C-alpha cells in the first residue's frame, strides 16, 4: 500500500471522475468515512496525534506515583535508581496495579525526557587540518595461533584528517608494545603528526591529576621528545570516549571487517602480515561524507606531517635479572634459558614487545621470542649441552628437549641417531655421543649434520667423530667455490715474441 498522500489522491480522483458518494468511496478504498471526508477537504493528510496526547487509561492512575519515584532518583546514586522493570514490579507488588511491563517502560522512557532526567551531551563537529592530529588506542580481539584460541591486543594509530590507520598486534598492552607501536606507526606513515590524542593508558600516564593534568611516564616523555609531537589526554571514563571517537570507531570497524571470521595463523608475525595487507586494502575505502578515498586523502596529508628523526626511538626496556640454578632468568613472570655457565650471575636484559635479549656486558648470550602468560618456560636445548655431557640421564625428560621437538629443531634424524647409538653404546654413552653432535650445531650448518647422521645410521658407523668428519667433508664440498672457465679469460696473456731480439742481433752484426 502506498502512502496516505497517494491514498488521498486516489479518493479525490475517483470523486472527480466518477462522482462516487462518500460511502462508495469508503467501501472502494477500505477506509472509514472520516478519512474520505478528510481527503476531500485537503490533499495533505492531517498530522497524526502525538503519543502523549492520547489517553492512557492503564498508566494514568499511577502517573503521580511513577513521577515521584523518578524525581526522587535525582538524589540517589545512579547505580541504585529505578529501572523501568523495578517501577513495574513496585506498582504490581505495592499498589496492586494490573498493567504490562512494556506499557510501564514506554511511559518511564517518555517521562524521563519530559522531566529532564536524561542528559544528552552535544558534540561539536570538528575539522582536522592535514598532519595536525592523530588518535591512539588499544583494542582487544581473539585469534587462533598454533591451534590455540588466544586473546591479543591491537595497537591502532589513526590520522584524523585522512582517516588512514595503522594496526599491529601484540601479546600485551605493556609499555614496550605501546612505545613500539608509535615507532612502527610513524615509519608506516613516513612522518609524525603534530599532536596525538590518548585516553589515560597506563603506559603513558602514571597518575591522573585535576583537569587534564597528568603525571606522565618517563619513557613516554622521552618518546614524545624524540619525535617532537604534542600529547592530548581525554577526560577519564565514558566522558572522554567521544573525544577520540575516530580511533574508537576504527577499532570496531577494522575488527568486524578484517578479523571476522577469527583468523587462524601459525605465529604472531603471520598475523601482523595479515593486518598489514588489510591496511593497504583500506586505502581504497571512502569514508561516508568524504569525496575521495582514504589513500588519496593520505597522499595530501603525508606532505603536512613532520619529518622523522635520523634515528628511530628504542622502545625496549633494560632490566637486570639473576640466573637461577636451572639456568633461567625470570622476566614478567616468564622464564627464559641462558647458557649454563651463567648460573648464579646477574645479566642485563633487553625486553621488547616481541623479543627478550640477554647480555653479558656487550656480548649477547641469548635471544628468545617473548612469551605471554604466567610461569611459561622458553628453553633452548643448546644452553644445557655442557651439563648434559656430565648428566646424560637428564636429557630424555628435559623440558628443553620437548620444546626443541615441538619447534622442529630436534629432528627425526636426531632421534634416529640417538636411538641407534644408544642401542650400541648404552644410554649414558649414547647420549654423550648425541651431545657431541649437538654441540657441533654451533659451528656447522644443520643440513650437513642431519645428512651425516642419516648416513651414519644407514651404514652403522655411529662414532660421533666419524659423523663430524663426514659433515665437515660434506660442508667443504658444498662451500668450495666453482670457477667457470669463462671467468679465467681475464688472466689470458699474448704469447711472447722474439721479433725485437732478432732486429737487435741483425743491427749488431752489421756494425
Protein backbone atom coordinates (compact mmCIF):
# COMPACT_ATOMS: atom_id res chain seq x y z
CA UNK A 1 0.00 0.00 0.00
CA UNK A 2 1.21 3.46 -0.86
CA UNK A 3 1.46 6.46 1.44
CA UNK A 4 -1.52 8.35 2.86
CA UNK A 5 -0.90 11.15 0.37
CA UNK A 6 -1.34 8.70 -2.54
CA UNK A 7 -4.49 7.30 -0.92
CA UNK A 8 -5.97 10.81 -0.65
CA UNK A 9 -5.07 11.41 -4.31
CA UNK A 10 -6.94 8.27 -5.43
CA UNK A 11 -10.01 9.22 -3.36
CA UNK A 12 -10.08 12.73 -4.81
CA UNK A 13 -9.61 11.37 -8.37
CA UNK A 14 -12.49 8.92 -8.04
CA UNK A 15 -14.69 11.69 -6.67
CA UNK A 16 -13.93 13.94 -9.67
CA UNK A 17 -14.13 11.35 -12.41
CA UNK A 18 -16.90 9.06 -11.19
CA UNK A 19 -18.87 11.27 -8.77
CA UNK A 20 -18.95 8.49 -6.14
CA UNK A 21 -20.57 9.11 -2.80
CA UNK A 22 -18.67 9.16 0.48
CA UNK A 23 -19.97 5.69 1.37
CA UNK A 24 -18.96 4.28 -2.01
CA UNK A 25 -15.50 5.84 -1.75
CA UNK A 26 -15.04 4.37 1.75
CA UNK A 27 -16.01 0.89 0.57
CA UNK A 28 -13.82 1.06 -2.55
CA UNK A 29 -10.70 2.15 -0.67
CA UNK A 30 -11.45 0.21 2.53
CA UNK A 31 -11.22 3.24 4.81
CA UNK A 32 -13.52 4.99 7.26
CA UNK A 33 -15.82 7.75 6.02
CA UNK A 34 -13.90 10.20 8.23
CA UNK A 35 -10.81 9.51 6.11
CA UNK A 36 -12.82 10.13 2.92
CA UNK A 37 -14.10 13.48 4.23
CA UNK A 38 -10.54 14.44 5.25
CA UNK A 39 -9.28 13.57 1.75
CA UNK A 40 -11.98 15.62 0.06
CA UNK A 41 -11.23 18.55 2.34
CA UNK A 42 -7.45 18.64 1.77
CA UNK A 43 -4.88 16.94 -0.45
CA UNK A 44 -2.50 16.63 2.53
CA UNK A 45 -3.41 14.24 5.36
CA UNK A 46 -3.78 15.85 8.79
CA UNK A 47 -0.86 15.25 11.17
CA UNK A 48 -1.14 12.25 13.43
CA UNK A 49 -1.72 12.83 17.11
CA UNK A 50 1.34 12.58 19.30
CA UNK A 51 1.63 9.53 21.55
CA UNK A 52 1.47 11.64 24.67
CA UNK A 53 -1.70 13.41 23.60
CA UNK A 54 -3.75 10.22 23.60
CA UNK A 55 -5.39 8.99 26.78
CA UNK A 56 -3.51 6.34 28.78
CA UNK A 57 -6.07 4.51 30.86
CA UNK A 58 -3.54 1.93 32.07
CA UNK A 59 -0.88 4.32 33.38
CA UNK A 60 -2.87 7.50 34.14
CA UNK A 61 -3.95 6.26 37.61
CA UNK A 62 -0.33 5.68 38.56
CA UNK A 63 1.30 8.66 36.80
CA UNK A 64 1.79 10.64 40.02
CA UNK A 65 3.36 7.68 41.81
CA UNK A 66 5.76 6.91 38.94
CA UNK A 67 6.76 10.58 38.54
CA UNK A 68 7.50 10.86 42.27
CA UNK A 69 9.80 7.84 42.14
CA UNK A 70 11.65 9.16 39.09
CA UNK A 71 12.10 12.65 40.56
CA UNK A 72 13.30 11.17 43.84
CA UNK A 73 16.06 9.32 41.95
CA UNK A 74 17.84 12.63 41.39
CA UNK A 75 19.27 12.42 44.92
CA UNK A 76 20.19 8.73 44.70
CA UNK A 77 23.39 7.16 43.37
CA UNK A 78 22.99 6.27 39.70
CA UNK A 79 23.54 2.56 40.36
CA UNK A 80 20.56 2.43 42.72
CA UNK A 81 17.96 4.33 40.73
CA UNK A 82 14.69 2.88 39.46
CA UNK A 83 14.76 0.95 36.26
CA UNK A 84 11.57 0.57 34.23
CA UNK A 85 11.29 -3.04 35.38
CA UNK A 86 11.65 -2.05 39.03
CA UNK A 87 8.93 0.59 38.62
CA UNK A 88 6.59 -2.05 37.17
CA UNK A 89 7.43 -4.52 39.93
CA UNK A 90 6.66 -1.98 42.67
CA UNK A 91 3.39 -0.94 41.05
CA UNK A 92 2.24 -4.56 40.97
CA UNK A 93 3.53 -5.53 44.41
CA UNK A 94 2.77 -2.36 46.41
CA UNK A 95 -0.27 -0.89 44.63
CA UNK A 96 -1.88 -3.91 43.02
CA UNK A 97 -1.72 -2.36 39.55
CA UNK A 98 -2.79 -4.51 36.62
CA UNK A 99 -0.73 -3.49 33.58
CA UNK A 100 2.03 -4.86 31.38
CA UNK A 101 5.75 -4.22 31.81
CA UNK A 102 6.14 -2.79 28.30
CA UNK A 103 3.43 -0.20 28.98
CA UNK A 104 5.33 0.99 32.05
CA UNK A 105 8.70 1.01 30.24
CA UNK A 106 7.31 3.23 27.45
CA UNK A 107 5.85 5.66 29.96
CA UNK A 108 9.08 5.77 32.01
CA UNK A 109 11.23 6.41 28.92
CA UNK A 110 8.99 9.30 27.82
CA UNK A 111 8.68 10.87 31.27
CA UNK A 112 12.43 10.81 31.90
CA UNK A 113 12.91 13.03 28.86
CA UNK A 114 9.99 15.32 29.79
CA UNK A 115 11.27 15.70 33.38
CA UNK A 116 14.83 16.50 32.18
CA UNK A 117 16.19 13.41 33.88
CA UNK A 118 18.13 12.35 30.78
CA UNK A 119 21.11 14.48 29.82
CA UNK A 120 22.11 14.44 26.18
CA UNK A 121 25.63 15.74 25.65
CA UNK A 122 26.02 17.73 22.45
CA UNK A 123 29.16 17.12 20.42
CA UNK A 124 30.65 19.88 18.30
CA UNK A 125 31.63 18.85 14.73
CA UNK A 126 35.37 19.15 14.11
CA UNK A 127 37.51 19.82 11.05
CA UNK A 128 41.04 18.41 11.18
CA UNK A 129 43.82 20.00 9.19
CA UNK A 130 46.27 17.72 7.33
CA UNK A 131 49.01 16.40 9.57
CA UNK A 132 47.65 18.19 12.61
CA UNK A 133 46.44 15.31 14.76
CA UNK A 134 46.21 11.56 15.28
CA UNK A 135 44.49 9.30 17.81
CA UNK A 136 45.88 6.22 19.59
CA UNK A 137 44.25 3.35 21.44
CA UNK A 138 44.42 -0.41 22.07
CA UNK A 139 41.67 -2.83 21.03
CA UNK A 140 41.39 -6.46 22.05
CA UNK A 141 40.46 -9.38 19.79
CA UNK A 142 40.75 -13.16 19.62
CA UNK A 143 42.79 -15.20 17.17
CA UNK A 144 43.93 -18.79 16.74
CA UNK A 145 47.74 -19.08 16.90
CA UNK A 146 49.28 -22.50 16.55
CA UNK A 147 45.90 -24.17 17.03
CA UNK A 148 45.07 -22.38 20.32
CA UNK A 149 42.48 -19.62 20.70
CA UNK A 150 44.15 -16.68 22.47
CA UNK A 151 43.40 -13.04 23.19
CA UNK A 152 45.66 -10.45 21.65
CA UNK A 153 45.77 -6.64 21.62
CA UNK A 154 45.87 -4.38 18.58
CA UNK A 155 47.71 -1.06 18.72
CA UNK A 156 45.96 1.47 16.46
CA UNK A 157 47.04 4.95 15.38
CA UNK A 158 44.60 6.84 13.14
CA UNK A 159 45.31 10.11 11.32
CA UNK A 160 42.34 12.40 11.94
CA UNK A 161 42.38 14.21 8.57
CA UNK A 162 42.66 11.36 6.07
CA UNK A 163 41.36 8.58 8.29
CA UNK A 164 44.30 6.34 7.44
CA UNK A 165 45.11 3.96 10.28
CA UNK A 166 47.98 1.67 11.26
CA UNK A 167 47.32 -1.62 13.08
CA UNK A 168 49.78 -4.01 14.72
CA UNK A 169 49.05 -6.94 17.04
CA UNK A 170 50.84 -7.65 20.32
CA UNK A 171 50.53 -10.18 23.08
CA UNK A 172 50.45 -7.47 25.73
CA UNK A 173 49.40 -3.87 26.36
CA UNK A 174 52.60 -3.14 28.28
CA UNK A 175 54.70 -0.04 27.76
CA UNK A 176 57.09 -1.84 25.39
CA UNK A 177 54.22 -2.55 22.97
CA UNK A 178 52.80 0.96 23.40
CA UNK A 179 56.12 2.61 22.54
CA UNK A 180 57.00 0.22 19.71
CA UNK A 181 53.57 0.79 18.20
CA UNK A 182 54.35 4.50 17.91
CA UNK A 183 57.72 3.83 16.28
CA UNK A 184 56.22 1.47 13.70
CA UNK A 185 53.25 3.76 13.03
CA UNK A 186 55.45 6.79 12.35
CA UNK A 187 57.59 4.69 9.99
CA UNK A 188 54.42 3.42 8.26
CA UNK A 189 53.12 6.96 7.71
CA UNK A 190 56.54 8.33 6.80
CA UNK A 191 56.12 11.24 9.22
CA UNK A 192 54.85 12.45 12.59
CA UNK A 193 51.55 14.28 13.28
CA UNK A 194 51.66 17.48 15.27
CA UNK A 195 49.52 16.18 18.14
CA UNK A 196 48.34 12.76 19.34
CA UNK A 197 45.20 12.13 21.41
CA UNK A 198 45.13 9.47 24.12
CA UNK A 199 42.89 8.18 26.82
CA UNK A 200 44.61 7.59 30.14
CA UNK A 201 46.60 4.48 29.20
CA UNK A 202 48.91 3.25 31.96
CA UNK A 203 51.97 3.08 29.67
CA UNK A 204 51.67 6.87 29.21
CA UNK A 205 50.03 8.11 32.42
CA UNK A 206 51.14 7.17 35.93
CA UNK A 207 48.59 9.36 37.75
CA UNK A 208 45.55 11.46 36.77
CA UNK A 209 45.57 14.94 38.28
CA UNK A 210 42.95 17.69 38.31
CA UNK A 211 41.50 18.64 34.92
CA UNK A 212 43.67 17.45 32.06
CA UNK A 213 46.94 17.46 34.00
CA UNK A 214 48.73 14.12 34.19
CA UNK A 215 51.84 12.61 35.69
CA UNK A 216 53.41 11.03 32.62
CA UNK A 217 55.73 8.04 32.39
CA UNK A 218 59.37 8.96 31.75
CA UNK A 219 59.70 6.63 28.76
CA UNK A 220 56.63 8.19 27.14
CA UNK A 221 58.04 11.68 27.70
CA UNK A 222 61.28 10.54 26.06
CA UNK A 223 59.33 9.18 23.06
CA UNK A 224 57.42 12.44 22.69
CA UNK A 225 60.62 14.47 22.94
CA UNK A 226 62.39 12.25 20.39
CA UNK A 227 59.71 12.70 17.71
CA UNK A 228 58.62 16.23 18.66
CA UNK A 229 54.83 15.78 18.83
CA UNK A 230 52.42 17.07 21.46
CA UNK A 231 50.10 14.89 23.56
CA UNK A 232 46.46 15.48 24.48
CA UNK A 233 44.72 13.39 27.15
CA UNK A 234 40.96 12.88 27.08
CA UNK A 235 38.71 13.03 30.12
CA UNK A 236 38.65 9.87 32.23
CA UNK A 237 35.89 7.30 31.75
CA UNK A 238 32.99 7.45 29.33
CA UNK A 239 33.11 11.25 29.22
CA UNK A 240 36.32 11.14 27.24
CA UNK A 241 35.31 8.42 24.77
CA UNK A 242 33.80 10.91 22.31
CA UNK A 243 36.98 12.99 22.39
CA UNK A 244 38.77 10.31 20.36
CA UNK A 245 35.77 8.82 18.61
CA UNK A 246 37.72 8.37 15.37
CA UNK A 247 40.02 5.65 16.69
CA UNK A 248 37.24 4.14 18.84
CA UNK A 249 35.11 3.61 15.75
CA UNK A 250 38.10 2.48 13.70
CA UNK A 251 38.88 -0.36 16.12
CA UNK A 252 35.33 -1.72 15.90
CA UNK A 253 35.13 -1.32 12.12
CA UNK A 254 38.51 -2.98 11.50
CA UNK A 255 37.68 -5.85 13.83
CA UNK A 256 34.38 -6.54 12.08
CA UNK A 257 35.81 -6.11 8.58
CA UNK A 258 39.16 -7.93 8.80
CA UNK A 259 39.04 -10.15 11.91
CA UNK A 260 35.77 -11.93 11.17
CA UNK A 261 35.95 -14.91 10.95
CA UNK A 262 38.59 -15.37 13.64
CA UNK A 263 41.97 -15.52 11.83
CA UNK A 264 43.97 -18.75 12.10
CA UNK A 265 47.74 -18.28 11.86
CA UNK A 266 50.90 -20.09 12.89
CA UNK A 267 52.71 -17.15 14.51
CA UNK A 268 52.14 -13.59 15.63
CA UNK A 269 54.35 -12.40 12.77
CA UNK A 270 52.00 -14.05 10.26
CA UNK A 271 49.06 -12.32 11.94
CA UNK A 272 50.75 -8.94 11.56
CA UNK A 273 51.29 -9.63 7.86
CA UNK A 274 47.53 -10.13 7.63
CA UNK A 275 46.92 -6.80 9.38
CA UNK A 276 49.39 -5.03 7.08
CA UNK A 277 47.58 -6.34 4.00
CA UNK A 278 44.28 -5.16 5.48
CA UNK A 279 45.70 -1.64 5.96
CA UNK A 280 46.62 -1.48 2.28
CA UNK A 281 43.17 -2.71 1.31
CA UNK A 282 41.53 0.03 3.38
CA UNK A 283 43.26 2.71 1.30
CA UNK A 284 40.54 2.17 -1.31
CA UNK A 285 37.75 2.80 1.22
CA UNK A 286 35.73 6.01 1.12
CA UNK A 287 34.60 7.41 4.48
CA UNK A 288 30.95 8.49 4.48
CA UNK A 289 30.61 12.15 3.59
CA UNK A 290 34.08 12.49 2.06
CA UNK A 291 34.73 12.94 -1.68
CA UNK A 292 37.94 10.87 -2.06
CA UNK A 293 39.39 7.58 -0.87
CA UNK A 294 41.50 7.27 2.26
CA UNK A 295 44.59 6.64 0.15
CA UNK A 296 44.08 9.82 -1.90
CA UNK A 297 43.48 11.90 1.23
CA UNK A 298 46.60 10.46 2.83
CA UNK A 299 48.77 11.50 -0.14
CA UNK A 300 47.78 15.08 0.65
CA UNK A 301 48.27 14.66 4.40
CA UNK A 302 51.66 12.99 4.06
CA UNK A 303 53.21 16.26 2.89
CA UNK A 304 52.00 18.02 6.06
CA UNK A 305 53.49 15.51 8.52
CA UNK A 306 56.64 16.38 10.42
CA UNK A 307 59.77 14.59 9.27
CA UNK A 308 61.17 11.53 11.03
CA UNK A 309 64.36 11.91 13.09
CA UNK A 310 67.55 10.39 11.74
CA UNK A 311 67.43 7.55 14.27
CA UNK A 312 64.40 5.62 15.45
CA UNK A 313 63.47 5.59 19.13
CA UNK A 314 64.43 2.42 21.00
CA UNK A 315 61.23 1.20 22.69
CA UNK A 316 62.86 -1.69 24.58
CA UNK A 317 63.18 -1.73 28.35
CA UNK A 318 66.52 -2.51 30.04
CA UNK A 319 66.37 -4.77 33.08
CA UNK A 320 68.65 -6.79 35.34
CA UNK A 321 67.88 -10.44 36.11
CA UNK A 322 69.59 -13.14 38.16
CA UNK A 323 70.14 -16.55 36.58
CA UNK A 324 68.74 -19.33 38.79
CA UNK A 325 70.17 -22.84 39.28
CA UNK A 326 68.15 -24.07 36.29
CA UNK A 327 69.97 -21.58 34.01
CA UNK A 328 66.85 -19.41 33.65
CA UNK A 329 66.03 -15.76 34.12
CA UNK A 330 62.56 -14.56 35.14
CA UNK A 331 61.08 -11.64 33.17
CA UNK A 332 57.45 -10.59 33.69
CA UNK A 333 56.63 -13.95 35.33
CA UNK A 334 58.01 -15.96 32.40
CA UNK A 335 61.26 -17.95 32.34
CA UNK A 336 63.94 -17.87 29.63
CA UNK A 337 67.06 -20.04 29.41
CA UNK A 338 70.66 -18.84 29.14
CA UNK A 339 73.90 -20.85 28.80
CA UNK A 340 74.57 -22.84 31.98
CA UNK A 341 77.89 -21.12 32.64
CA UNK A 342 75.97 -18.00 33.72
CA UNK A 343 74.09 -19.73 36.57
CA UNK A 344 74.09 -17.57 39.70
CA UNK A 345 75.11 -14.36 37.88
CA UNK A 346 73.18 -11.18 37.15
CA UNK A 347 72.78 -10.35 33.47
CA UNK A 348 71.38 -7.41 31.53
CA UNK A 349 68.07 -7.98 29.73
CA UNK A 350 66.67 -6.01 26.81
CA UNK A 351 62.90 -6.52 26.87
CA UNK A 352 60.92 -5.50 23.78
CA UNK A 353 57.33 -6.19 22.78
CA UNK A 354 58.35 -9.25 20.75
CA UNK A 355 61.76 -10.48 21.94
CA UNK A 356 63.87 -10.98 25.07
CA UNK A 357 67.62 -10.49 24.63
CA UNK A 358 70.15 -11.32 27.36
CA UNK A 359 73.60 -9.69 27.52
CA UNK A 360 76.81 -10.32 29.39
CA UNK A 361 78.34 -6.89 29.10
CA UNK A 362 78.36 -6.01 25.39
CA UNK A 363 78.02 -9.64 24.29
CA UNK A 364 74.59 -11.09 23.58
CA UNK A 365 74.30 -14.56 25.07
CA UNK A 366 70.64 -15.46 24.38
CA UNK A 367 67.70 -14.31 22.26
CA UNK A 368 64.14 -15.58 22.74
CA UNK A 369 60.74 -14.82 21.33
CA UNK A 370 58.75 -13.19 24.10
CA UNK A 371 56.24 -15.39 25.93
CA UNK A 372 52.91 -14.22 27.36
CA UNK A 373 51.13 -15.52 30.40
CA UNK A 374 52.42 -16.66 33.79
CA UNK A 375 55.15 -19.19 34.56
CA UNK A 376 55.71 -20.00 30.88
CA UNK A 377 59.15 -21.50 30.15
CA UNK A 378 61.08 -20.79 26.95
CA UNK A 379 64.15 -23.05 26.95
CA UNK A 380 66.81 -23.80 24.33
CA UNK A 381 68.39 -27.24 24.35
CA UNK A 382 71.72 -25.77 23.24
CA UNK A 383 72.03 -23.88 26.55
CA UNK A 384 72.14 -27.14 28.55
CA UNK A 385 74.53 -29.24 26.44
CA UNK A 386 77.61 -28.74 28.66
CA UNK A 387 75.71 -30.09 31.69
CA UNK A 388 74.17 -32.94 29.69
CA UNK A 389 77.66 -34.23 28.86
CA UNK A 390 78.15 -34.97 32.54
CA UNK A 391 74.47 -35.71 33.30
CA UNK A 392 73.24 -37.62 30.23
CA UNK A 393 70.34 -39.09 32.19
CA UNK A 394 68.67 -35.69 32.29
CA UNK A 395 68.13 -35.46 28.53
CA UNK A 396 65.19 -37.88 27.92
CA UNK A 397 62.79 -35.94 30.13
CA UNK A 398 64.24 -32.45 29.64
CA UNK A 399 61.74 -29.64 29.02
CA UNK A 400 64.21 -28.10 26.58
CA UNK A 401 64.16 -31.33 24.54
CA UNK A 402 60.35 -31.33 24.44
CA UNK A 403 60.33 -27.75 23.18
CA UNK A 404 63.08 -28.50 20.64
CA UNK A 405 60.99 -31.34 19.21
CA UNK A 406 57.90 -29.14 19.08
CA UNK A 407 59.75 -26.36 17.24
CA UNK A 408 61.44 -28.76 14.79
CA UNK A 409 64.99 -28.04 15.99
CA UNK A 410 65.34 -31.64 17.18
CA UNK A 411 64.50 -33.55 14.01
CA UNK A 412 63.58 -37.14 13.24
CA UNK A 413 67.18 -37.66 12.10
CA UNK A 414 68.45 -36.63 15.55
CA UNK A 415 66.08 -39.11 17.18
CA UNK A 416 67.11 -41.94 14.81
CA UNK A 417 70.79 -41.38 15.50
CA UNK A 418 70.18 -41.16 19.25
CA UNK A 419 68.19 -44.40 19.28
CA UNK A 420 70.80 -46.21 17.16
CA UNK A 421 73.82 -45.09 19.17
CA UNK A 422 72.11 -45.96 22.48
CA UNK A 423 71.43 -49.47 21.26
CA UNK A 424 75.13 -49.91 20.53
CA UNK A 425 76.77 -47.98 23.39
CA UNK A 426 74.09 -47.86 26.07
CA UNK A 427 72.03 -44.97 27.38
CA UNK A 428 74.77 -42.89 29.01
CA UNK A 429 77.48 -43.22 26.35
CA UNK A 430 74.92 -42.99 23.54
CA UNK A 431 73.50 -39.76 24.91
CA UNK A 432 77.02 -38.31 25.26
CA UNK A 433 77.65 -39.16 21.61
CA UNK A 434 74.47 -37.29 20.64
CA UNK A 435 75.53 -34.29 22.74
CA UNK A 436 78.84 -34.14 20.82
CA UNK A 437 76.91 -33.90 17.58
CA UNK A 438 74.53 -31.30 19.02
CA UNK A 439 77.48 -29.16 20.13
CA UNK A 440 78.68 -29.13 16.52
CA UNK A 441 75.49 -27.27 15.53
CA UNK A 442 77.07 -24.11 16.93
CA UNK A 443 79.68 -24.05 14.14
CA UNK A 444 78.25 -26.17 11.34
CA UNK A 445 75.04 -25.96 9.27
CA UNK A 446 72.17 -28.12 10.44
CA UNK A 447 71.61 -29.60 6.99
CA UNK A 448 75.09 -31.17 6.70
CA UNK A 449 74.92 -32.59 10.24
CA UNK A 450 71.48 -34.09 9.63
CA UNK A 451 72.70 -35.67 6.39
CA UNK A 452 75.79 -37.05 8.16
CA UNK A 453 73.66 -38.58 10.93
CA UNK A 454 71.42 -40.23 8.36
CA UNK A 455 74.43 -41.76 6.61
CA UNK A 456 75.82 -42.92 9.95
CA UNK A 457 72.60 -44.72 10.82
CA UNK A 458 72.37 -46.29 7.36
CA UNK A 459 75.98 -47.53 7.37
CA UNK A 460 76.13 -48.42 11.07
CA UNK A 461 79.24 -46.24 11.63
CA UNK A 462 77.87 -44.32 14.64
CA UNK A 463 81.02 -42.85 16.19
CA UNK A 464 80.34 -39.09 16.72
CA UNK A 465 83.83 -38.14 15.49
CA UNK A 466 83.17 -40.00 12.25
CA UNK A 467 79.86 -38.17 11.92
CA UNK A 468 81.61 -34.82 12.38
CA UNK A 469 84.38 -35.66 9.89
CA UNK A 470 81.77 -36.72 7.34
CA UNK A 471 79.83 -33.48 7.94
CA UNK A 472 82.96 -31.34 7.54
CA UNK A 473 83.83 -33.11 4.27
CA UNK A 474 80.29 -32.53 3.02
CA UNK A 475 80.45 -28.91 4.11
CA UNK A 476 83.78 -28.34 2.35
CA UNK A 477 82.38 -29.85 -0.84
CA UNK A 478 79.38 -27.56 -0.78
CA UNK A 479 81.38 -24.49 0.16
CA UNK A 480 84.24 -24.97 -2.35
CA UNK A 481 83.92 -22.27 -5.00
CA UNK A 482 83.28 -23.42 -8.56
CA UNK A 483 85.01 -21.08 -11.02
CA UNK A 484 83.66 -21.23 -14.59
CA UNK A 485 86.20 -21.43 -17.44
CA UNK A 486 84.89 -18.20 -18.92
CA UNK A 487 85.82 -16.36 -15.75
CA UNK A 488 89.51 -17.22 -16.32
CA UNK A 489 89.65 -15.32 -19.61
CA UNK A 490 90.73 -12.15 -17.80
CA UNK A 491 94.05 -13.87 -16.96
CA UNK A 492 94.93 -14.64 -20.63
CA UNK A 493 98.15 -13.04 -21.98
CA UNK A 494 99.52 -12.96 -25.57
CA UNK A 495 102.39 -15.38 -26.38
CA UNK A 496 105.90 -13.82 -26.15
CA UNK A 497 107.51 -12.66 -29.44
CA UNK A 498 111.26 -12.73 -30.37
CA UNK A 499 110.99 -10.25 -33.24
CA UNK A 500 112.65 -7.42 -31.26
CA UNK A 501 115.62 -9.62 -30.34
CA UNK A 502 116.14 -10.60 -34.00
CA UNK A 503 116.26 -6.94 -35.02
CA UNK A 504 118.87 -6.12 -32.36
CA UNK A 505 121.08 -9.07 -33.40
CA UNK A 506 120.94 -8.03 -37.09
CA UNK A 507 121.89 -4.46 -36.22
CA UNK A 508 124.86 -5.65 -34.09
CA UNK A 509 126.26 -7.94 -36.81
CA UNK A 510 126.10 -5.13 -39.39
CA UNK A 511 128.09 -2.87 -37.15
